[in-house]
Amino acid sequence: MSEAVLQQISTTNDPRMFTLAEAQALFPLVRRITQASYAELVPVRQRLESMVPTDPRIVQVEREYEAIVKRWVGKMERLGLVVKGLWLVDFDTGDGYLCWKFPELRISHYHTYHEGYAGRRPLAEVMEELDPDWARG
């Protein structure tokens, strides 16, 4: 892991403010962690789906599922991201969020604090219309 990436990892769970360039620099790590967690969850989810609700082992499999998700959430929060859902994170810009959901290949959407995921807009459109400070730095 590069020294620049290690410096971005926080010991607190406080969201940080990102410029577009900072978010894009951190994105490969975010995607790699998320992809690994997603892959780790696949067999657990398959076991859960194949079990009948009365199977006493279901509790243990649910715990495994929850542990994988919690580890992923913790990693995202330590990177300063805001976790909005399973495999959905936001990079806080100070006036809204750069929004990414796995398996998207890049950070390509933005929404204000009040709009949420349903109000996502293409990043290029927002940059052209608003010329935000976070897109310049």
C-alpha atoms as a PDB file:
ATOM      1  CA  MET A   1       0.000   0.000   0.000  1.00  0.00           C
ATOM      2  CA  SER A   2       1.428   3.398  -0.913  1.00  0.00           C
ATOM      3  CA  GLU A   3       2.424   5.968   1.705  1.00  0.00           C
ATOM      4  CA  ALA A   4      -0.126   8.449   0.289  1.00  0.00           C
ATOM      5  CA  VAL A   5      -2.958   5.950   0.740  1.00  0.00           C
ATOM      6  CA  LEU A   6      -1.825   5.030   4.260  1.00  0.00           C
ATOM      7  CA  GLN A   7      -1.920   8.702   5.253  1.00  0.00           C
ATOM      8  CA  GLN A   8      -5.576   8.844   4.206  1.00  0.00           C
ATOM      9  CA  ILE A   9      -6.629   6.093   6.600  1.00  0.00           C
ATOM     10  CA  SER A  10      -8.096   7.554   9.765  1.00  0.00           C
ATOM     11  CA  THR A  11      -8.276   6.060  13.218  1.00  0.00           C
ATOM     12  CA  THR A  12     -11.584   7.832  13.855  1.00  0.00           C
ATOM     13  CA  ASN A  13     -14.860   7.359  12.079  1.00  0.00           C
ATOM     14  CA  ASP A  14     -15.221  11.046  11.210  1.00  0.00           C
ATOM     15  CA  PRO A  15     -16.173  11.692   7.602  1.00  0.00           C
ATOM     16  CA  ARG A  16     -13.673  13.881   5.821  1.00  0.00           C
ATOM     17  CA  MET A  17     -14.038  16.386   3.024  1.00  0.00           C
ATOM     18  CA  PHE A  18     -12.857  15.315  -0.415  1.00  0.00           C
ATOM     19  CA  THR A  19     -12.003  17.126  -3.582  1.00  0.00           C
ATOM     20  CA  LEU A  20     -12.799  15.192  -6.734  1.00  0.00           C
ATOM     21  CA  ALA A  21      -9.093  14.490  -7.231  1.00  0.00           C
ATOM     22  CA  GLU A  22      -8.747  13.118  -3.679  1.00  0.00           C
ATOM     23  CA  ALA A  23     -11.809  10.899  -4.097  1.00  0.00           C
ATOM     24  CA  GLN A  24     -10.518   9.579  -7.418  1.00  0.00           C
ATOM     25  CA  ALA A  25      -7.099   8.861  -5.908  1.00  0.00           C
ATOM     26  CA  LEU A  26      -8.670   6.858  -3.074  1.00  0.00           C
ATOM     27  CA  PHE A  27     -11.243   5.145  -5.292  1.00  0.00           C
ATOM     28  CA  PRO A  28      -9.113   2.164  -6.453  1.00  0.00           C
ATOM     29  CA  LEU A  29      -8.623   1.139  -2.816  1.00  0.00           C
ATOM     30  CA  VAL A  30     -12.326   1.638  -2.015  1.00  0.00           C
ATOM     31  CA  ARG A  31     -13.336  -0.470  -5.010  1.00  0.00           C
ATOM     32  CA  ARG A  32     -10.783  -3.203  -4.238  1.00  0.00           C
ATOM     33  CA  ILE A  33     -11.935  -3.486  -0.594  1.00  0.00           C
ATOM     34  CA  THR A  34     -15.586  -3.502  -1.637  1.00  0.00           C
ATOM     35  CA  GLN A  35     -15.052  -6.086  -4.363  1.00  0.00           C
ATOM     36  CA  ALA A  36     -13.245  -8.394  -1.917  1.00  0.00           C
ATOM     37  CA  SER A  37     -15.990  -8.019   0.700  1.00  0.00           C
ATOM     38  CA  TYR A  38     -18.675  -8.630  -1.917  1.00  0.00           C
ATOM     39  CA  ALA A  39     -16.892 -11.806  -3.076  1.00  0.00           C
ATOM     40  CA  GLU A  40     -16.499 -12.977   0.534  1.00  0.00           C
ATOM     41  CA  LEU A  41     -20.241 -12.506   1.080  1.00  0.00           C
ATOM     42  CA  VAL A  42     -21.399 -14.458  -2.009  1.00  0.00           C
ATOM     43  CA  PRO A  43     -21.089 -17.993  -0.545  1.00  0.00           C
ATOM     44  CA  VAL A  44     -22.583 -16.873   2.773  1.00  0.00           C
ATOM     45  CA  ARG A  45     -25.563 -15.328   0.993  1.00  0.00           C
ATOM     46  CA  GLN A  46     -26.010 -18.503  -1.076  1.00  0.00           C
ATOM     47  CA  ARG A  47     -26.037 -20.627   2.087  1.00  0.00           C
ATOM     48  CA  LEU A  48     -28.620 -18.324   3.656  1.00  0.00           C
ATOM     49  CA  GLU A  49     -30.841 -18.473   0.582  1.00  0.00           C
ATOM     50  CA  SER A  50     -30.719 -22.270   0.546  1.00  0.00           C
ATOM     51  CA  MET A  51     -31.688 -22.671   4.205  1.00  0.00           C
ATOM     52  CA  VAL A  52     -35.211 -23.026   5.490  1.00  0.00           C
ATOM     53  CA  PRO A  53     -36.147 -20.390   8.096  1.00  0.00           C
ATOM     54  CA  THR A  54     -36.444 -23.034  10.832  1.00  0.00           C
ATOM     55  CA  ASP A  55     -32.889 -24.359  10.351  1.00  0.00           C
ATOM     56  CA  PRO A  56     -31.068 -23.740  13.656  1.00  0.00           C
ATOM     57  CA  ARG A  57     -27.800 -23.083  11.763  1.00  0.00           C
ATOM     58  CA  ILE A  58     -29.304 -19.985  10.167  1.00  0.00           C
ATOM     59  CA  VAL A  59     -28.350 -17.859  13.181  1.00  0.00           C
ATOM     60  CA  GLN A  60     -24.647 -18.663  12.720  1.00  0.00           C
ATOM     61  CA  VAL A  61     -24.758 -17.974   8.978  1.00  0.00           C
ATOM     62  CA  GLU A  62     -26.518 -14.662   9.623  1.00  0.00           C
ATOM     63  CA  ARG A  63     -23.735 -13.759  12.067  1.00  0.00           C
ATOM     64  CA  GLU A  64     -21.116 -14.528   9.393  1.00  0.00           C
ATOM     65  CA  TYR A  65     -23.000 -12.310   6.920  1.00  0.00           C
ATOM     66  CA  GLU A  66     -23.250  -9.486   9.453  1.00  0.00           C
ATOM     67  CA  ALA A  67     -19.555  -9.743  10.379  1.00  0.00           C
ATOM     68  CA  ILE A  68     -18.460  -9.387   6.746  1.00  0.00           C
ATOM     69  CA  VAL A  69     -20.700  -6.360   6.237  1.00  0.00           C
ATOM     70  CA  LYS A  70     -19.559  -4.748   9.504  1.00  0.00           C
ATOM     71  CA  ARG A  71     -15.892  -5.200   8.551  1.00  0.00           C
ATOM     72  CA  TRP A  72     -16.560  -3.519   5.201  1.00  0.00           C
ATOM     73  CA  VAL A  73     -18.436  -0.635   6.870  1.00  0.00           C
ATOM     74  CA  GLY A  74     -15.582  -0.151   9.337  1.00  0.00           C
ATOM     75  CA  LYS A  75     -13.011  -0.007   6.573  1.00  0.00           C
ATOM     76  CA  MET A  76     -15.036   2.530   4.597  1.00  0.00           C
ATOM     77  CA  GLU A  77     -15.549   4.713   7.657  1.00  0.00           C
ATOM     78  CA  ARG A  78     -11.830   4.598   8.504  1.00  0.00           C
ATOM     79  CA  LEU A  79     -11.173   5.924   5.004  1.00  0.00           C
ATOM     80  CA  GLY A  80     -13.465   8.856   5.839  1.00  0.00           C
ATOM     81  CA  LEU A  81     -16.405   7.789   3.675  1.00  0.00           C
ATOM     82  CA  VAL A  82     -20.081   7.947   4.575  1.00  0.00           C
ATOM     83  CA  VAL A  83     -21.727   4.529   4.226  1.00  0.00           C
ATOM     84  CA  LYS A  84     -25.278   4.910   2.954  1.00  0.00           C
ATOM     85  CA  GLY A  85     -26.159   1.291   2.299  1.00  0.00           C
ATOM     86  CA  LEU A  86     -24.714  -2.053   1.364  1.00  0.00           C
ATOM     87  CA  TRP A  87     -21.923  -1.383  -1.163  1.00  0.00           C
ATOM     88  CA  LEU A  88     -23.006   2.288  -1.347  1.00  0.00           C
ATOM     89  CA  VAL A  89     -20.676   5.048  -0.154  1.00  0.00           C
ATOM     90  CA  ASP A  90     -20.458   8.804  -0.391  1.00  0.00           C
ATOM     91  CA  PHE A  91     -17.416  11.064  -0.471  1.00  0.00           C
ATOM     92  CA  ASP A  92     -18.360  14.307   1.325  1.00  0.00           C
ATOM     93  CA  THR A  93     -17.386  17.416  -0.686  1.00  0.00           C
ATOM     94  CA  GLY A  94     -18.603  20.021   1.783  1.00  0.00           C
ATOM     95  CA  ASP A  95     -21.728  20.844  -0.242  1.00  0.00           C
ATOM     96  CA  GLY A  96     -22.927  17.358  -1.141  1.00  0.00           C
ATOM     97  CA  TYR A  97     -21.647  13.919  -1.990  1.00  0.00           C
ATOM     98  CA  LEU A  98     -19.716  12.198  -4.727  1.00  0.00           C
ATOM     99  CA  CYS A  99     -21.717   8.981  -4.784  1.00  0.00           C
ATOM    100  CA  TRP A 100     -20.540   5.478  -5.681  1.00  0.00           C
ATOM    101  CA  LYS A 101     -22.290   2.114  -5.617  1.00  0.00           C
ATOM    102  CA  PHE A 102     -20.577  -1.179  -6.359  1.00  0.00           C
ATOM    103  CA  PRO A 103     -20.101  -2.444  -9.086  1.00  0.00           C
ATOM    104  CA  GLU A 104     -19.864   0.958 -10.828  1.00  0.00           C
ATOM    105  CA  LEU A 105     -16.443   1.361 -12.430  1.00  0.00           C
ATOM    106  CA  ARG A 106     -15.846   4.961 -11.380  1.00  0.00           C
ATOM    107  CA  ILE A 107     -17.180   7.792  -9.273  1.00  0.00           C
ATOM    108  CA  SER A 108     -19.624   9.265 -11.747  1.00  0.00           C
ATOM    109  CA  HIS A 109     -22.507  10.703  -9.719  1.00  0.00           C
ATOM    110  CA  TYR A 110     -23.183  13.504  -7.281  1.00  0.00           C
ATOM    111  CA  HIS A 111     -26.088  14.456  -5.032  1.00  0.00           C
ATOM    112  CA  THR A 112     -26.713  17.193  -2.492  1.00  0.00           C
ATOM    113  CA  TYR A 113     -27.084  16.435   1.188  1.00  0.00           C
ATOM    114  CA  HIS A 114     -30.874  16.586   0.911  1.00  0.00           C
ATOM    115  CA  GLU A 115     -31.438  14.617  -2.302  1.00  0.00           C
ATOM    116  CA  GLY A 116     -29.894  11.259  -1.463  1.00  0.00           C
ATOM    117  CA  TYR A 117     -29.273   8.360  -3.822  1.00  0.00           C
ATOM    118  CA  ALA A 118     -32.539   8.853  -5.716  1.00  0.00           C
ATOM    119  CA  GLY A 119     -31.426  12.384  -6.597  1.00  0.00           C
ATOM    120  CA  ARG A 120     -28.060  11.371  -8.044  1.00  0.00           C
ATOM    121  CA  ARG A 121     -26.986  13.329 -11.078  1.00  0.00           C
ATOM    122  CA  PRO A 122     -24.180  12.594 -13.529  1.00  0.00           C
ATOM    123  CA  LEU A 123     -20.979  14.146 -12.242  1.00  0.00           C
ATOM    124  CA  ALA A 124     -20.100  15.741 -15.595  1.00  0.00           C
ATOM    125  CA  GLU A 125     -23.474  17.501 -15.662  1.00  0.00           C
ATOM    126  CA  VAL A 126     -23.012  18.879 -12.127  1.00  0.00           C
ATOM    127  CA  MET A 127     -19.483  20.059 -12.873  1.00  0.00           C
ATOM    128  CA  GLU A 128     -20.571  21.845 -16.045  1.00  0.00           C
ATOM    129  CA  GLU A 129     -23.600  23.455 -14.433  1.00  0.00           C
ATOM    130  CA  LEU A 130     -22.186  24.440 -11.032  1.00  0.00           C
ATOM    131  CA  ASP A 131     -18.370  24.530 -11.466  1.00  0.00           C
ATOM    132  CA  PRO A 132     -17.919  23.512  -7.798  1.00  0.00           C
ATOM    133  CA  ASP A 133     -14.720  24.253  -5.879  1.00  0.00           C
ATOM    134  CA  TRP A 134     -14.219  20.560  -5.018  1.00  0.00           C
ATOM    135  CA  ALA A 135     -13.947  19.729  -8.730  1.00  0.00           C
ATOM    136  CA  ARG A 136     -11.020  22.115  -9.264  1.00  0.00           C
ATOM    137  CA  GLY A 137      -8.646  20.977  -6.519  1.00  0.00           C
END
